[in-house]
């Protein structure tokens, strides 16, 4: 539950959406 510091959670606890052609990505859903 974040005991390692919230800075260690960047990009985590999430599902990413990745563009297959370019590799560009965004957070699709989090938490």
ModelCIF file with pLDDT and N, C-alpha, C, O atoms, coordinates in Angstrom:
data_MODEL
#
_entry.id   MODEL 
#
_entity.id                         1 
_entity.type                       polymer 
_entity.pdbx_number_of_molecules   1 
#
_entity_poly.entity_id                      1 
_entity_poly.type                           'polypeptide(L)' 
_entity_poly.nstd_linkage                   no 
_entity_poly.nstd_monomer                   no 
_entity_poly.pdbx_seq_one_letter_code       
;(UNK)(UNK)(UNK)(UNK)(UNK)(UNK)(UNK)(UNK)(UNK)(UNK)(UNK)(UNK)(UNK)(UNK)(UNK)(UNK)
(UNK)(UNK)(UNK)(UNK)(UNK)(UNK)(UNK)(UNK)(UNK)(UNK)(UNK)(UNK)(UNK)(UNK)(UNK)
;
_entity_poly.pdbx_seq_one_letter_code_can   XXXXXXXXXXXXXXXXXXXXXXXXXXXXXXX 
_entity_poly.pdbx_strand_id                 A 
#
loop_
_entity_poly_seq.entity_id 
_entity_poly_seq.num 
_entity_poly_seq.mon_id 
_entity_poly_seq.hetero 
1 1  UNK n 
1 2  UNK n 
1 3  UNK n 
1 4  UNK n 
1 5  UNK n 
1 6  UNK n 
1 7  UNK n 
1 8  UNK n 
1 9  UNK n 
1 10 UNK n 
1 11 UNK n 
1 12 UNK n 
1 13 UNK n 
1 14 UNK n 
1 15 UNK n 
1 16 UNK n 
1 17 UNK n 
1 18 UNK n 
1 19 UNK n 
1 20 UNK n 
1 21 UNK n 
1 22 UNK n 
1 23 UNK n 
1 24 UNK n 
1 25 UNK n 
1 26 UNK n 
1 27 UNK n 
1 28 UNK n 
1 29 UNK n 
1 30 UNK n 
1 31 UNK n 
#
_struct_asym.id          A 
_struct_asym.entity_id   1 
#
loop_
_ma_qa_metric.id 
_ma_qa_metric.mode 
_ma_qa_metric.name 
_ma_qa_metric.software_group_id 
_ma_qa_metric.type 
1 global pLDDT . pLDDT 
2 local  pLDDT . pLDDT 
#
_ma_qa_metric_global.metric_id      1 
_ma_qa_metric_global.metric_value   97.65 
_ma_qa_metric_global.model_id       1 
_ma_qa_metric_global.ordinal_id     1 
#
loop_
_ma_qa_metric_local.label_asym_id 
_ma_qa_metric_local.label_comp_id 
_ma_qa_metric_local.label_seq_id 
_ma_qa_metric_local.metric_id 
_ma_qa_metric_local.metric_value 
_ma_qa_metric_local.model_id 
_ma_qa_metric_local.ordinal_id 
A UNK 1  2 98.00 1 1  
A UNK 2  2 97.00 1 2  
A UNK 3  2 96.00 1 3  
A UNK 4  2 96.00 1 4  
A UNK 5  2 97.00 1 5  
A UNK 6  2 97.00 1 6  
A UNK 7  2 97.00 1 7  
A UNK 8  2 98.00 1 8  
A UNK 9  2 98.00 1 9  
A UNK 10 2 98.00 1 10 
A UNK 11 2 98.00 1 11 
A UNK 12 2 98.00 1 12 
A UNK 13 2 99.00 1 13 
A UNK 14 2 99.00 1 14 
A UNK 15 2 99.00 1 15 
A UNK 16 2 99.00 1 16 
A UNK 17 2 99.00 1 17 
A UNK 18 2 98.00 1 18 
A UNK 19 2 98.00 1 19 
A UNK 20 2 97.00 1 20 
A UNK 21 2 94.00 1 21 
A UNK 22 2 96.00 1 22 
A UNK 23 2 96.00 1 23 
A UNK 24 2 98.00 1 24 
A UNK 25 2 98.00 1 25 
A UNK 26 2 98.00 1 26 
A UNK 27 2 98.00 1 27 
A UNK 28 2 98.00 1 28 
A UNK 29 2 99.00 1 29 
A UNK 30 2 98.00 1 30 
A UNK 31 2 98.00 1 31 
#
loop_
_atom_site.group_PDB 
_atom_site.id 
_atom_site.type_symbol 
_atom_site.label_atom_id 
_atom_site.label_alt_id 
_atom_site.label_comp_id 
_atom_site.label_asym_id 
_atom_site.label_entity_id 
_atom_site.label_seq_id 
_atom_site.pdbx_PDB_ins_code 
_atom_site.Cartn_x 
_atom_site.Cartn_y 
_atom_site.Cartn_z 
_atom_site.occupancy 
_atom_site.B_iso_or_equiv 
_atom_site.pdbx_formal_charge 
_atom_site.auth_seq_id 
_atom_site.auth_comp_id 
_atom_site.auth_asym_id 
_atom_site.auth_atom_id 
_atom_site.pdbx_PDB_model_num 
ATOM 1   N N  . UNK A 1 1  ? 0.831  -1.211 0.000   1.00 98.00 ? 1  UNK A N  1 
ATOM 2   C CA . UNK A 1 1  ? 0.000  0.000  0.000   1.00 98.00 ? 1  UNK A CA 1 
ATOM 3   C C  . UNK A 1 1  ? 0.867  1.263  0.000   1.00 98.00 ? 1  UNK A C  1 
ATOM 4   O O  . UNK A 1 1  ? 0.633  2.183  0.784   1.00 98.00 ? 1  UNK A O  1 
ATOM 5   N N  . UNK A 1 2  ? 1.854  1.300  -0.872  1.00 97.00 ? 2  UNK A N  1 
ATOM 6   C CA . UNK A 1 2  ? 2.639  2.512  -1.022  1.00 97.00 ? 2  UNK A CA 1 
ATOM 7   C C  . UNK A 1 2  ? 3.718  2.721  0.014   1.00 97.00 ? 2  UNK A C  1 
ATOM 8   O O  . UNK A 1 2  ? 4.241  3.827  0.145   1.00 97.00 ? 2  UNK A O  1 
ATOM 9   N N  . UNK A 1 3  ? 4.068  1.664  0.765   1.00 96.00 ? 3  UNK A N  1 
ATOM 10  C CA . UNK A 1 3  ? 5.046  1.846  1.848   1.00 96.00 ? 3  UNK A CA 1 
ATOM 11  C C  . UNK A 1 3  ? 6.461  2.111  1.334   1.00 96.00 ? 3  UNK A C  1 
ATOM 12  O O  . UNK A 1 3  ? 7.327  2.511  2.113   1.00 96.00 ? 3  UNK A O  1 
ATOM 13  N N  . UNK A 1 4  ? 6.715  1.898  0.046   1.00 96.00 ? 4  UNK A N  1 
ATOM 14  C CA . UNK A 1 4  ? 8.030  2.223  -0.514  1.00 96.00 ? 4  UNK A CA 1 
ATOM 15  C C  . UNK A 1 4  ? 8.099  3.652  -1.046  1.00 96.00 ? 4  UNK A C  1 
ATOM 16  O O  . UNK A 1 4  ? 9.085  4.041  -1.673  1.00 96.00 ? 4  UNK A O  1 
ATOM 17  N N  . UNK A 1 5  ? 7.042  4.434  -0.793  1.00 97.00 ? 5  UNK A N  1 
ATOM 18  C CA . UNK A 1 5  ? 6.997  5.810  -1.271  1.00 97.00 ? 5  UNK A CA 1 
ATOM 19  C C  . UNK A 1 5  ? 6.244  5.891  -2.591  1.00 97.00 ? 5  UNK A C  1 
ATOM 20  O O  . UNK A 1 5  ? 6.430  5.054  -3.474  1.00 97.00 ? 5  UNK A O  1 
ATOM 21  N N  . UNK A 1 6  ? 5.406  6.889  -2.718  1.00 97.00 ? 6  UNK A N  1 
ATOM 22  C CA . UNK A 1 6  ? 4.581  7.004  -3.920  1.00 97.00 ? 6  UNK A CA 1 
ATOM 23  C C  . UNK A 1 6  ? 5.404  7.303  -5.160  1.00 97.00 ? 6  UNK A C  1 
ATOM 24  O O  . UNK A 1 6  ? 4.959  7.054  -6.280  1.00 97.00 ? 6  UNK A O  1 
ATOM 25  N N  . UNK A 1 7  ? 6.614  7.841  -4.963  1.00 97.00 ? 7  UNK A N  1 
ATOM 26  C CA . UNK A 1 7  ? 7.472  8.084  -6.127  1.00 97.00 ? 7  UNK A CA 1 
ATOM 27  C C  . UNK A 1 7  ? 7.917  6.773  -6.776  1.00 97.00 ? 7  UNK A C  1 
ATOM 28  O O  . UNK A 1 7  ? 8.257  6.747  -7.959  1.00 97.00 ? 7  UNK A O  1 
ATOM 29  N N  . UNK A 1 8  ? 7.913  5.681  -5.996  1.00 98.00 ? 8  UNK A N  1 
ATOM 30  C CA . UNK A 1 8  ? 8.285  4.371  -6.550  1.00 98.00 ? 8  UNK A CA 1 
ATOM 31  C C  . UNK A 1 8  ? 7.149  3.747  -7.340  1.00 98.00 ? 8  UNK A C  1 
ATOM 32  O O  . UNK A 1 8  ? 7.321  2.676  -7.922  1.00 98.00 ? 8  UNK A O  1 
ATOM 33  N N  . UNK A 1 9  ? 5.987  4.398  -7.373  1.00 98.00 ? 9  UNK A N  1 
ATOM 34  C CA . UNK A 1 9  ? 4.804  3.833  -8.029  1.00 98.00 ? 9  UNK A CA 1 
ATOM 35  C C  . UNK A 1 9  ? 4.505  4.481  -9.382  1.00 98.00 ? 9  UNK A C  1 
ATOM 36  O O  . UNK A 1 9  ? 3.432  4.267  -9.948  1.00 98.00 ? 9  UNK A O  1 
ATOM 37  N N  . UNK A 1 10 ? 5.435  5.260  -9.895  1.00 98.00 ? 10 UNK A N  1 
ATOM 38  C CA . UNK A 1 10 ? 5.197  5.926  -11.173 1.00 98.00 ? 10 UNK A CA 1 
ATOM 39  C C  . UNK A 1 10 ? 4.957  4.895  -12.280 1.00 98.00 ? 10 UNK A C  1 
ATOM 40  O O  . UNK A 1 10 ? 5.780  4.008  -12.507 1.00 98.00 ? 10 UNK A O  1 
ATOM 41  N N  . UNK A 1 11 ? 3.820  5.027  -12.962 1.00 98.00 ? 11 UNK A N  1 
ATOM 42  C CA . UNK A 1 11 ? 3.491  4.120  -14.055 1.00 98.00 ? 11 UNK A CA 1 
ATOM 43  C C  . UNK A 1 11 ? 2.996  2.761  -13.627 1.00 98.00 ? 11 UNK A C  1 
ATOM 44  O O  . UNK A 1 11 ? 2.755  1.894  -14.467 1.00 98.00 ? 11 UNK A O  1 
ATOM 45  N N  . UNK A 1 12 ? 2.837  2.559  -12.313 1.00 98.00 ? 12 UNK A N  1 
ATOM 46  C CA . UNK A 1 12 ? 2.473  1.245  -11.797 1.00 98.00 ? 12 UNK A CA 1 
ATOM 47  C C  . UNK A 1 12 ? 1.020  1.209  -11.320 1.00 98.00 ? 12 UNK A C  1 
ATOM 48  O O  . UNK A 1 12 ? 0.304  2.211  -11.338 1.00 98.00 ? 12 UNK A O  1 
ATOM 49  N N  . UNK A 1 13 ? 0.616  -0.002 -10.887 1.00 99.00 ? 13 UNK A N  1 
ATOM 50  C CA . UNK A 1 13 ? -0.764 -0.233 -10.457 1.00 99.00 ? 13 UNK A CA 1 
ATOM 51  C C  . UNK A 1 13 ? -1.714 0.246  -11.554 1.00 99.00 ? 13 UNK A C  1 
ATOM 52  O O  . UNK A 1 13 ? -2.674 0.975  -11.301 1.00 99.00 ? 13 UNK A O  1 
ATOM 53  N N  . UNK A 1 14 ? -1.416 -0.185 -12.773 1.00 99.00 ? 14 UNK A N  1 
ATOM 54  C CA . UNK A 1 14 ? -2.109 0.372  -13.925 1.00 99.00 ? 14 UNK A CA 1 
ATOM 55  C C  . UNK A 1 14 ? -2.118 -0.608 -15.087 1.00 99.00 ? 14 UNK A C  1 
ATOM 56  O O  . UNK A 1 14 ? -1.385 -1.597 -15.103 1.00 99.00 ? 14 UNK A O  1 
ATOM 57  N N  . UNK A 1 15 ? -2.961 -0.306 -16.047 1.00 99.00 ? 15 UNK A N  1 
ATOM 58  C CA . UNK A 1 15 ? -2.918 -0.950 -17.352 1.00 99.00 ? 15 UNK A CA 1 
ATOM 59  C C  . UNK A 1 15 ? -2.545 0.113  -18.372 1.00 99.00 ? 15 UNK A C  1 
ATOM 60  O O  . UNK A 1 15 ? -3.194 1.154  -18.475 1.00 99.00 ? 15 UNK A O  1 
ATOM 61  N N  . UNK A 1 16 ? -1.486 -0.170 -19.123 1.00 99.00 ? 16 UNK A N  1 
ATOM 62  C CA . UNK A 1 16 ? -1.019 0.747  -20.156 1.00 99.00 ? 16 UNK A CA 1 
ATOM 63  C C  . UNK A 1 16 ? -1.680 0.409  -21.490 1.00 99.00 ? 16 UNK A C  1 
ATOM 64  O O  . UNK A 1 16 ? -1.970 -0.752 -21.779 1.00 99.00 ? 16 UNK A O  1 
ATOM 65  N N  . UNK A 1 17 ? -1.911 1.432  -22.288 1.00 99.00 ? 17 UNK A N  1 
ATOM 66  C CA . UNK A 1 17 ? -2.262 1.235  -23.686 1.00 99.00 ? 17 UNK A CA 1 
ATOM 67  C C  . UNK A 1 17 ? -1.050 1.643  -24.520 1.00 99.00 ? 17 UNK A C  1 
ATOM 68  O O  . UNK A 1 17 ? -0.572 2.774  -24.425 1.00 99.00 ? 17 UNK A O  1 
ATOM 69  N N  . UNK A 1 18 ? -0.562 0.718  -25.331 1.00 98.00 ? 18 UNK A N  1 
ATOM 70  C CA . UNK A 1 18 ? 0.655  0.936  -26.120 1.00 98.00 ? 18 UNK A CA 1 
ATOM 71  C C  . UNK A 1 18 ? 0.298  0.899  -27.599 1.00 98.00 ? 18 UNK A C  1 
ATOM 72  O O  . UNK A 1 18 ? -0.350 -0.042 -28.059 1.00 98.00 ? 18 UNK A O  1 
ATOM 73  N N  . UNK A 1 19 ? 0.711  1.904  -28.336 1.00 98.00 ? 19 UNK A N  1 
ATOM 74  C CA . UNK A 1 19 ? 0.533  1.885  -29.785 1.00 98.00 ? 19 UNK A CA 1 
ATOM 75  C C  . UNK A 1 19 ? 1.513  0.880  -30.379 1.00 98.00 ? 19 UNK A C  1 
ATOM 76  O O  . UNK A 1 19 ? 2.725  0.989  -30.195 1.00 98.00 ? 19 UNK A O  1 
ATOM 77  N N  . UNK A 1 20 ? 0.965  -0.100 -31.096 1.00 97.00 ? 20 UNK A N  1 
ATOM 78  C CA . UNK A 1 20 ? 1.816  -1.199 -31.569 1.00 97.00 ? 20 UNK A CA 1 
ATOM 79  C C  . UNK A 1 20 ? 2.849  -0.727 -32.583 1.00 97.00 ? 20 UNK A C  1 
ATOM 80  O O  . UNK A 1 20 ? 3.942  -1.286 -32.667 1.00 97.00 ? 20 UNK A O  1 
ATOM 81  N N  . UNK A 1 21 ? 2.509  0.287  -33.342 1.00 94.00 ? 21 UNK A N  1 
ATOM 82  C CA . UNK A 1 21 ? 3.425  0.749  -34.377 1.00 94.00 ? 21 UNK A CA 1 
ATOM 83  C C  . UNK A 1 21 ? 4.537  1.636  -33.860 1.00 94.00 ? 21 UNK A C  1 
ATOM 84  O O  . UNK A 1 21 ? 5.673  1.536  -34.323 1.00 94.00 ? 21 UNK A O  1 
ATOM 85  N N  . UNK A 1 22 ? 4.228  2.507  -32.903 1.00 96.00 ? 22 UNK A N  1 
ATOM 86  C CA . UNK A 1 22 ? 5.198  3.504  -32.463 1.00 96.00 ? 22 UNK A CA 1 
ATOM 87  C C  . UNK A 1 22 ? 5.784  3.251  -31.081 1.00 96.00 ? 22 UNK A C  1 
ATOM 88  O O  . UNK A 1 22 ? 6.839  3.791  -30.749 1.00 96.00 ? 22 UNK A O  1 
ATOM 89  N N  . UNK A 1 23 ? 5.108  2.435  -30.267 1.00 96.00 ? 23 UNK A N  1 
ATOM 90  C CA . UNK A 1 23 ? 5.544  2.242  -28.889 1.00 96.00 ? 23 UNK A CA 1 
ATOM 91  C C  . UNK A 1 23 ? 5.095  3.339  -27.954 1.00 96.00 ? 23 UNK A C  1 
ATOM 92  O O  . UNK A 1 23 ? 5.344  3.265  -26.751 1.00 96.00 ? 23 UNK A O  1 
ATOM 93  N N  . UNK A 1 24 ? 4.430  4.369  -28.487 1.00 98.00 ? 24 UNK A N  1 
ATOM 94  C CA . UNK A 1 24 ? 3.886  5.412  -27.615 1.00 98.00 ? 24 UNK A CA 1 
ATOM 95  C C  . UNK A 1 24 ? 2.845  4.805  -26.681 1.00 98.00 ? 24 UNK A C  1 
ATOM 96  O O  . UNK A 1 24 ? 2.087  3.918  -27.072 1.00 98.00 ? 24 UNK A O  1 
ATOM 97  N N  . UNK A 1 25 ? 2.818  5.290  -25.455 1.00 98.00 ? 25 UNK A N  1 
ATOM 98  C CA . UNK A 1 25 ? 1.925  4.661  -24.477 1.00 98.00 ? 25 UNK A CA 1 
ATOM 99  C C  . UNK A 1 25 ? 1.284  5.701  -23.577 1.00 98.00 ? 25 UNK A C  1 
ATOM 100 O O  . UNK A 1 25 ? 1.766  6.825  -23.441 1.00 98.00 ? 25 UNK A O  1 
ATOM 101 N N  . UNK A 1 26 ? 0.186  5.292  -22.969 1.00 98.00 ? 26 UNK A N  1 
ATOM 102 C CA . UNK A 1 26 ? -0.496 6.119  -21.987 1.00 98.00 ? 26 UNK A CA 1 
ATOM 103 C C  . UNK A 1 26 ? -1.096 5.201  -20.926 1.00 98.00 ? 26 UNK A C  1 
ATOM 104 O O  . UNK A 1 26 ? -1.233 3.998  -21.147 1.00 98.00 ? 26 UNK A O  1 
ATOM 105 N N  . UNK A 1 27 ? -1.450 5.765  -19.783 1.00 98.00 ? 27 UNK A N  1 
ATOM 106 C CA . UNK A 1 27 ? -2.137 5.007  -18.747 1.00 98.00 ? 27 UNK A CA 1 
ATOM 107 C C  . UNK A 1 27 ? -3.607 4.878  -19.156 1.00 98.00 ? 27 UNK A C  1 
ATOM 108 O O  . UNK A 1 27 ? -4.324 5.874  -19.250 1.00 98.00 ? 27 UNK A O  1 
ATOM 109 N N  . UNK A 1 28 ? -4.037 3.660  -19.392 1.00 98.00 ? 28 UNK A N  1 
ATOM 110 C CA . UNK A 1 28 ? -5.425 3.408  -19.792 1.00 98.00 ? 28 UNK A CA 1 
ATOM 111 C C  . UNK A 1 28 ? -6.349 3.410  -18.574 1.00 98.00 ? 28 UNK A C  1 
ATOM 112 O O  . UNK A 1 28 ? -7.443 3.974  -18.620 1.00 98.00 ? 28 UNK A O  1 
ATOM 113 N N  . UNK A 1 29 ? -5.909 2.782  -17.491 1.00 99.00 ? 29 UNK A N  1 
ATOM 114 C CA . UNK A 1 29 ? -6.657 2.767  -16.229 1.00 99.00 ? 29 UNK A CA 1 
ATOM 115 C C  . UNK A 1 29 ? -5.659 2.614  -15.101 1.00 99.00 ? 29 UNK A C  1 
ATOM 116 O O  . UNK A 1 29 ? -4.606 2.003  -15.281 1.00 99.00 ? 29 UNK A O  1 
ATOM 117 N N  . UNK A 1 30 ? -5.980 3.166  -13.929 1.00 98.00 ? 30 UNK A N  1 
ATOM 118 C CA . UNK A 1 30 ? -5.030 3.177  -12.818 1.00 98.00 ? 30 UNK A CA 1 
ATOM 119 C C  . UNK A 1 30 ? -5.727 2.802  -11.515 1.00 98.00 ? 30 UNK A C  1 
ATOM 120 O O  . UNK A 1 30 ? -6.937 2.576  -11.481 1.00 98.00 ? 30 UNK A O  1 
ATOM 121 N N  . UNK A 1 31 ? -4.928 2.742  -10.432 1.00 98.00 ? 31 UNK A N  1 
ATOM 122 C CA . UNK A 1 31 ? -5.477 2.362  -9.133  1.00 98.00 ? 31 UNK A CA 1 
ATOM 123 C C  . UNK A 1 31 ? -5.773 0.886  -9.021  1.00 98.00 ? 31 UNK A C  1 
ATOM 124 O O  . UNK A 1 31 ? -6.240 0.428  -7.978  1.00 98.00 ? 31 UNK A O  1 
#
